[in-house]
């Protein structure tokens, strides 16, 4: 909570338009040592605290959750847009928090990017987009640069059909060859 508080303070000070929460470790490896109700209740209280703090400091931006079904955990509680929406409804936060949809995470959840955007628009929680792509055969998040023109065109169609961006926009979440140790790749991946 302290890290999010600090980061939200900095985002506000710098004039940020959004604050994205990526719950990459909010899930489980096995149900044998998991109290799911307790963990979901804690996650709901945490998100409520983030929204309360946003209001306290006067941050005008949007709080976003970035759904991802797994990796690094076996199952994450923010699996996809519909799951996040149900979570937000359960804790009365559906009017306070939106989603940041990543192409690669949509694929990991077994959906198309277009599906996740259309779902978010239909549920009124569309916020922002991380545009990238996955290797459809690897089964894990590869964060490659988006180059599938039909896929991106359909995504943009659903964004425009839903009224466009009210906040956020396209973020390019892509990395150069993750496995590369080439100095040029290591530098270019962070510039």
C-alpha atoms as a PDB file:
ATOM      1  CA  UNK A   1       0.000   0.000   0.000  1.00  0.00           C
ATOM      2  CA  UNK A   2       2.868   2.384   0.795  1.00  0.00           C
ATOM      3  CA  UNK A   3       4.397   1.864  -2.658  1.00  0.00           C
ATOM      4  CA  UNK A   4       1.092   2.600  -4.387  1.00  0.00           C
ATOM      5  CA  UNK A   5       0.584   5.693  -2.193  1.00  0.00           C
ATOM      6  CA  UNK A   6       4.028   6.998  -3.134  1.00  0.00           C
ATOM      7  CA  UNK A   7       3.567   6.226  -6.833  1.00  0.00           C
ATOM      8  CA  UNK A   8       0.110   7.832  -6.863  1.00  0.00           C
ATOM      9  CA  UNK A   9       1.561  10.942  -5.204  1.00  0.00           C
ATOM     10  CA  UNK A  10       4.249  11.151  -7.894  1.00  0.00           C
ATOM     11  CA  UNK A  11       1.714  10.526 -10.676  1.00  0.00           C
ATOM     12  CA  UNK A  12      -0.445  13.343  -9.306  1.00  0.00           C
ATOM     13  CA  UNK A  13       2.522  15.698  -8.930  1.00  0.00           C
ATOM     14  CA  UNK A  14       3.617  15.030 -12.518  1.00  0.00           C
ATOM     15  CA  UNK A  15       0.098  15.598 -13.869  1.00  0.00           C
ATOM     16  CA  UNK A  16      -0.571  11.992 -14.853  1.00  0.00           C
ATOM     17  CA  UNK A  17      -3.930  11.205 -16.446  1.00  0.00           C
ATOM     18  CA  UNK A  18      -4.185   7.601 -15.203  1.00  0.00           C
ATOM     19  CA  UNK A  19      -2.784   5.254 -12.611  1.00  0.00           C
ATOM     20  CA  UNK A  20      -2.574   1.586 -13.635  1.00  0.00           C
ATOM     21  CA  UNK A  21      -2.645  -1.203 -11.068  1.00  0.00           C
ATOM     22  CA  UNK A  22      -1.153  -4.397 -12.439  1.00  0.00           C
ATOM     23  CA  UNK A  23      -1.888  -7.156  -9.952  1.00  0.00           C
ATOM     24  CA  UNK A  24       0.619  -9.577 -11.383  1.00  0.00           C
ATOM     25  CA  UNK A  25       0.949 -11.438  -8.120  1.00  0.00           C
ATOM     26  CA  UNK A  26      -2.651 -11.191  -6.931  1.00  0.00           C
ATOM     27  CA  UNK A  27      -3.627 -14.808  -7.290  1.00  0.00           C
ATOM     28  CA  UNK A  28      -2.433 -18.236  -6.328  1.00  0.00           C
ATOM     29  CA  UNK A  29      -0.222 -21.154  -7.277  1.00  0.00           C
ATOM     30  CA  UNK A  30      -2.367 -23.753  -5.518  1.00  0.00           C
ATOM     31  CA  UNK A  31      -5.718 -23.739  -3.743  1.00  0.00           C
ATOM     32  CA  UNK A  32      -4.260 -25.957  -1.009  1.00  0.00           C
ATOM     33  CA  UNK A  33      -2.885 -22.926   0.836  1.00  0.00           C
ATOM     34  CA  UNK A  34      -5.286 -20.274  -0.462  1.00  0.00           C
ATOM     35  CA  UNK A  35      -8.210 -18.668   1.356  1.00  0.00           C
ATOM     36  CA  UNK A  36      -9.786 -17.156  -1.750  1.00  0.00           C
ATOM     37  CA  UNK A  37     -12.573 -15.259   0.032  1.00  0.00           C
ATOM     38  CA  UNK A  38     -10.105 -13.650   2.410  1.00  0.00           C
ATOM     39  CA  UNK A  39      -7.717 -12.720  -0.405  1.00  0.00           C
ATOM     40  CA  UNK A  40     -10.501 -11.242  -2.543  1.00  0.00           C
ATOM     41  CA  UNK A  41     -11.833  -9.279   0.438  1.00  0.00           C
ATOM     42  CA  UNK A  42      -8.333  -7.912   1.089  1.00  0.00           C
ATOM     43  CA  UNK A  43      -7.921  -6.988  -2.577  1.00  0.00           C
ATOM     44  CA  UNK A  44     -11.295  -5.218  -2.496  1.00  0.00           C
ATOM     45  CA  UNK A  45     -10.359  -3.281   0.625  1.00  0.00           C
ATOM     46  CA  UNK A  46      -7.001  -2.344  -0.906  1.00  0.00           C
ATOM     47  CA  UNK A  47      -8.631  -1.055  -4.091  1.00  0.00           C
ATOM     48  CA  UNK A  48     -11.167   0.889  -2.016  1.00  0.00           C
ATOM     49  CA  UNK A  49      -8.257   2.471  -0.131  1.00  0.00           C
ATOM     50  CA  UNK A  50      -6.605   3.468  -3.432  1.00  0.00           C
ATOM     51  CA  UNK A  51      -9.828   5.166  -4.563  1.00  0.00           C
ATOM     52  CA  UNK A  52     -10.223   6.885  -1.170  1.00  0.00           C
ATOM     53  CA  UNK A  53      -6.634   8.142  -1.325  1.00  0.00           C
ATOM     54  CA  UNK A  54      -7.063   9.341  -4.910  1.00  0.00           C
ATOM     55  CA  UNK A  55      -9.968  11.498  -3.736  1.00  0.00           C
ATOM     56  CA  UNK A  56      -8.116  12.678  -0.629  1.00  0.00           C
ATOM     57  CA  UNK A  57      -5.192  14.083  -2.643  1.00  0.00           C
ATOM     58  CA  UNK A  58      -7.443  15.416  -5.407  1.00  0.00           C
ATOM     59  CA  UNK A  59      -5.979  13.241  -8.156  1.00  0.00           C
ATOM     60  CA  UNK A  60      -8.277  13.842 -11.148  1.00  0.00           C
ATOM     61  CA  UNK A  61      -7.005  10.850 -13.128  1.00  0.00           C
ATOM     62  CA  UNK A  62      -8.532   7.445 -13.617  1.00  0.00           C
ATOM     63  CA  UNK A  63      -7.581   4.363 -11.618  1.00  0.00           C
ATOM     64  CA  UNK A  64      -7.140   1.428 -13.990  1.00  0.00           C
ATOM     65  CA  UNK A  65      -6.730  -2.314 -13.435  1.00  0.00           C
ATOM     66  CA  UNK A  66      -4.849  -4.296 -16.072  1.00  0.00           C
ATOM     67  CA  UNK A  67      -6.399  -7.783 -16.334  1.00  0.00           C
ATOM     68  CA  UNK A  68      -4.065 -10.750 -16.756  1.00  0.00           C
ATOM     69  CA  UNK A  69      -5.064 -14.401 -16.276  1.00  0.00           C
ATOM     70  CA  UNK A  70      -1.764 -15.918 -15.141  1.00  0.00           C
ATOM     71  CA  UNK A  71       1.991 -15.515 -15.111  1.00  0.00           C
ATOM     72  CA  UNK A  72       3.754 -15.251 -12.811  1.00  0.00           C
ATOM     73  CA  UNK A  73       1.037 -16.939 -10.708  1.00  0.00           C
ATOM     74  CA  UNK A  74      -0.969 -19.922 -11.960  1.00  0.00           C
ATOM     75  CA  UNK A  75      -4.268 -18.040 -11.648  1.00  0.00           C
ATOM     76  CA  UNK A  76      -4.763 -14.330 -11.067  1.00  0.00           C
ATOM     77  CA  UNK A  77      -7.876 -12.729  -9.616  1.00  0.00           C
ATOM     78  CA  UNK A  78      -8.009 -10.103 -12.393  1.00  0.00           C
ATOM     79  CA  UNK A  79      -8.284 -12.824 -15.057  1.00  0.00           C
ATOM     80  CA  UNK A  80     -10.090 -10.830 -17.751  1.00  0.00           C
ATOM     81  CA  UNK A  81     -12.350  -7.789 -18.204  1.00  0.00           C
ATOM     82  CA  UNK A  82     -15.535  -9.614 -17.162  1.00  0.00           C
ATOM     83  CA  UNK A  83     -13.872 -10.967 -14.010  1.00  0.00           C
ATOM     84  CA  UNK A  84     -12.571  -7.508 -13.085  1.00  0.00           C
ATOM     85  CA  UNK A  85     -16.038  -6.035 -13.651  1.00  0.00           C
ATOM     86  CA  UNK A  86     -17.620  -8.603 -11.317  1.00  0.00           C
ATOM     87  CA  UNK A  87     -14.966  -7.791  -8.713  1.00  0.00           C
ATOM     88  CA  UNK A  88     -15.610  -4.051  -9.062  1.00  0.00           C
ATOM     89  CA  UNK A  89     -19.368  -4.610  -8.700  1.00  0.00           C
ATOM     90  CA  UNK A  90     -18.880  -6.738  -5.600  1.00  0.00           C
ATOM     91  CA  UNK A  91     -17.016  -3.909  -3.886  1.00  0.00           C
ATOM     92  CA  UNK A  92     -19.093  -1.035  -5.301  1.00  0.00           C
ATOM     93  CA  UNK A  93     -16.209   0.311  -7.379  1.00  0.00           C
ATOM     94  CA  UNK A  94     -17.590  -0.069 -10.910  1.00  0.00           C
ATOM     95  CA  UNK A  95     -18.063   3.706 -11.159  1.00  0.00           C
ATOM     96  CA  UNK A  96     -14.579   4.438  -9.829  1.00  0.00           C
ATOM     97  CA  UNK A  97     -12.199   2.084 -11.636  1.00  0.00           C
ATOM     98  CA  UNK A  98     -11.759   1.154 -15.296  1.00  0.00           C
ATOM     99  CA  UNK A  99      -9.573  -1.321 -17.160  1.00  0.00           C
ATOM    100  CA  UNK A 100      -6.333  -1.029 -19.097  1.00  0.00           C
ATOM    101  CA  UNK A 101      -6.495  -3.823 -21.676  1.00  0.00           C
ATOM    102  CA  UNK A 102      -3.311  -5.417 -22.987  1.00  0.00           C
ATOM    103  CA  UNK A 103      -3.399  -7.359 -26.236  1.00  0.00           C
ATOM    104  CA  UNK A 104      -1.124 -10.109 -24.928  1.00  0.00           C
ATOM    105  CA  UNK A 105      -3.106 -10.583 -21.727  1.00  0.00           C
ATOM    106  CA  UNK A 106      -6.310 -10.944 -23.772  1.00  0.00           C
ATOM    107  CA  UNK A 107      -4.685 -13.792 -25.687  1.00  0.00           C
ATOM    108  CA  UNK A 108      -3.488 -15.453 -22.462  1.00  0.00           C
ATOM    109  CA  UNK A 109      -7.101 -15.355 -21.203  1.00  0.00           C
ATOM    110  CA  UNK A 110      -8.271 -17.165 -24.338  1.00  0.00           C
ATOM    111  CA  UNK A 111      -9.946 -14.069 -25.794  1.00  0.00           C
ATOM    112  CA  UNK A 112      -9.247 -11.763 -28.666  1.00  0.00           C
ATOM    113  CA  UNK A 113      -8.136  -8.186 -28.046  1.00  0.00           C
ATOM    114  CA  UNK A 114     -11.306  -7.096 -29.831  1.00  0.00           C
ATOM    115  CA  UNK A 115     -13.452  -9.182 -27.443  1.00  0.00           C
ATOM    116  CA  UNK A 116     -11.916  -7.649 -24.335  1.00  0.00           C
ATOM    117  CA  UNK A 117     -12.352  -4.111 -25.664  1.00  0.00           C
ATOM    118  CA  UNK A 118     -15.974  -4.758 -26.699  1.00  0.00           C
ATOM    119  CA  UNK A 119     -16.671  -6.280 -23.267  1.00  0.00           C
ATOM    120  CA  UNK A 120     -15.144  -3.297 -21.451  1.00  0.00           C
ATOM    121  CA  UNK A 121     -17.102  -0.847 -23.609  1.00  0.00           C
ATOM    122  CA  UNK A 122     -20.367  -2.766 -23.042  1.00  0.00           C
ATOM    123  CA  UNK A 123     -19.789  -2.827 -19.270  1.00  0.00           C
ATOM    124  CA  UNK A 124     -18.772   0.839 -19.101  1.00  0.00           C
ATOM    125  CA  UNK A 125     -15.257   0.222 -17.781  1.00  0.00           C
ATOM    126  CA  UNK A 126     -13.115   0.847 -20.865  1.00  0.00           C
ATOM    127  CA  UNK A 127     -10.147   3.022 -19.975  1.00  0.00           C
ATOM    128  CA  UNK A 128      -6.889   2.517 -21.819  1.00  0.00           C
ATOM    129  CA  UNK A 129      -4.928   0.062 -23.959  1.00  0.00           C
ATOM    130  CA  UNK A 130      -1.486  -1.529 -23.924  1.00  0.00           C
ATOM    131  CA  UNK A 131      -0.922  -2.436 -27.562  1.00  0.00           C
ATOM    132  CA  UNK A 132       1.398  -5.370 -28.119  1.00  0.00           C
ATOM    133  CA  UNK A 133       1.093  -8.972 -29.249  1.00  0.00           C
ATOM    134  CA  UNK A 134       1.910 -12.436 -28.039  1.00  0.00           C
ATOM    135  CA  UNK A 135       3.279 -15.467 -29.748  1.00  0.00           C
ATOM    136  CA  UNK A 136       0.056 -17.485 -30.010  1.00  0.00           C
ATOM    137  CA  UNK A 137       1.918 -20.762 -29.492  1.00  0.00           C
ATOM    138  CA  UNK A 138       4.121 -19.944 -26.504  1.00  0.00           C
ATOM    139  CA  UNK A 139       1.405 -19.745 -23.837  1.00  0.00           C
ATOM    140  CA  UNK A 140       3.112 -16.864 -22.051  1.00  0.00           C
ATOM    141  CA  UNK A 141       3.384 -13.095 -22.324  1.00  0.00           C
ATOM    142  CA  UNK A 142       5.969 -12.193 -24.988  1.00  0.00           C
ATOM    143  CA  UNK A 143       5.334  -8.406 -25.278  1.00  0.00           C
ATOM    144  CA  UNK A 144       6.181  -8.145 -28.962  1.00  0.00           C
ATOM    145  CA  UNK A 145       5.394  -5.044 -31.022  1.00  0.00           C
ATOM    146  CA  UNK A 146       1.859  -5.200 -32.516  1.00  0.00           C
ATOM    147  CA  UNK A 147       1.977  -5.962 -36.228  1.00  0.00           C
ATOM    148  CA  UNK A 148      -1.352  -7.677 -36.858  1.00  0.00           C
ATOM    149  CA  UNK A 149      -3.175  -5.004 -38.871  1.00  0.00           C
ATOM    150  CA  UNK A 150      -6.610  -6.720 -38.924  1.00  0.00           C
ATOM    151  CA  UNK A 151      -6.455  -7.330 -35.152  1.00  0.00           C
ATOM    152  CA  UNK A 152      -5.523  -3.701 -34.416  1.00  0.00           C
ATOM    153  CA  UNK A 153      -8.134  -2.397 -36.894  1.00  0.00           C
ATOM    154  CA  UNK A 154     -10.886  -4.368 -35.144  1.00  0.00           C
ATOM    155  CA  UNK A 155      -9.699  -3.103 -31.762  1.00  0.00           C
ATOM    156  CA  UNK A 156      -9.763   0.501 -32.977  1.00  0.00           C
ATOM    157  CA  UNK A 157     -13.203  -0.080 -34.513  1.00  0.00           C
ATOM    158  CA  UNK A 158     -14.605  -1.142 -31.123  1.00  0.00           C
ATOM    159  CA  UNK A 159     -12.881   1.738 -29.346  1.00  0.00           C
ATOM    160  CA  UNK A 160     -14.382   4.260 -31.793  1.00  0.00           C
ATOM    161  CA  UNK A 161     -17.765   2.516 -31.774  1.00  0.00           C
ATOM    162  CA  UNK A 162     -17.782   2.861 -27.985  1.00  0.00           C
ATOM    163  CA  UNK A 163     -17.080   6.598 -28.115  1.00  0.00           C
ATOM    164  CA  UNK A 164     -13.284   6.549 -28.174  1.00  0.00           C
ATOM    165  CA  UNK A 165     -10.936   7.183 -25.293  1.00  0.00           C
ATOM    166  CA  UNK A 166     -12.233   9.354 -22.460  1.00  0.00           C
ATOM    167  CA  UNK A 167      -8.907   8.974 -20.718  1.00  0.00           C
ATOM    168  CA  UNK A 168      -5.667   7.221 -21.536  1.00  0.00           C
ATOM    169  CA  UNK A 169      -4.940   5.983 -25.016  1.00  0.00           C
ATOM    170  CA  UNK A 170      -2.542   3.574 -26.682  1.00  0.00           C
ATOM    171  CA  UNK A 171       0.571   2.584 -24.751  1.00  0.00           C
ATOM    172  CA  UNK A 172       3.057   0.433 -26.607  1.00  0.00           C
ATOM    173  CA  UNK A 173       4.042  -2.282 -24.138  1.00  0.00           C
ATOM    174  CA  UNK A 174       6.592  -4.094 -26.256  1.00  0.00           C
ATOM    175  CA  UNK A 175      10.131  -5.207 -25.569  1.00  0.00           C
ATOM    176  CA  UNK A 176      12.979  -6.213 -27.796  1.00  0.00           C
ATOM    177  CA  UNK A 177      13.888  -9.882 -27.637  1.00  0.00           C
ATOM    178  CA  UNK A 178      13.564 -10.614 -23.915  1.00  0.00           C
ATOM    179  CA  UNK A 179      16.047 -13.457 -24.081  1.00  0.00           C
ATOM    180  CA  UNK A 180      18.711 -11.388 -25.839  1.00  0.00           C
ATOM    181  CA  UNK A 181      21.938 -10.439 -24.063  1.00  0.00           C
ATOM    182  CA  UNK A 182      23.087  -8.347 -27.010  1.00  0.00           C
ATOM    183  CA  UNK A 183      24.163  -4.899 -25.676  1.00  0.00           C
ATOM    184  CA  UNK A 184      22.190  -3.094 -28.398  1.00  0.00           C
ATOM    185  CA  UNK A 185      19.013  -4.970 -27.426  1.00  0.00           C
ATOM    186  CA  UNK A 186      19.596  -4.355 -23.723  1.00  0.00           C
ATOM    187  CA  UNK A 187      19.960  -0.613 -24.270  1.00  0.00           C
ATOM    188  CA  UNK A 188      17.276  -0.212 -26.933  1.00  0.00           C
ATOM    189  CA  UNK A 189      14.760  -2.138 -24.822  1.00  0.00           C
ATOM    190  CA  UNK A 190      14.973   0.538 -22.123  1.00  0.00           C
ATOM    191  CA  UNK A 191      15.154   3.692 -24.251  1.00  0.00           C
END
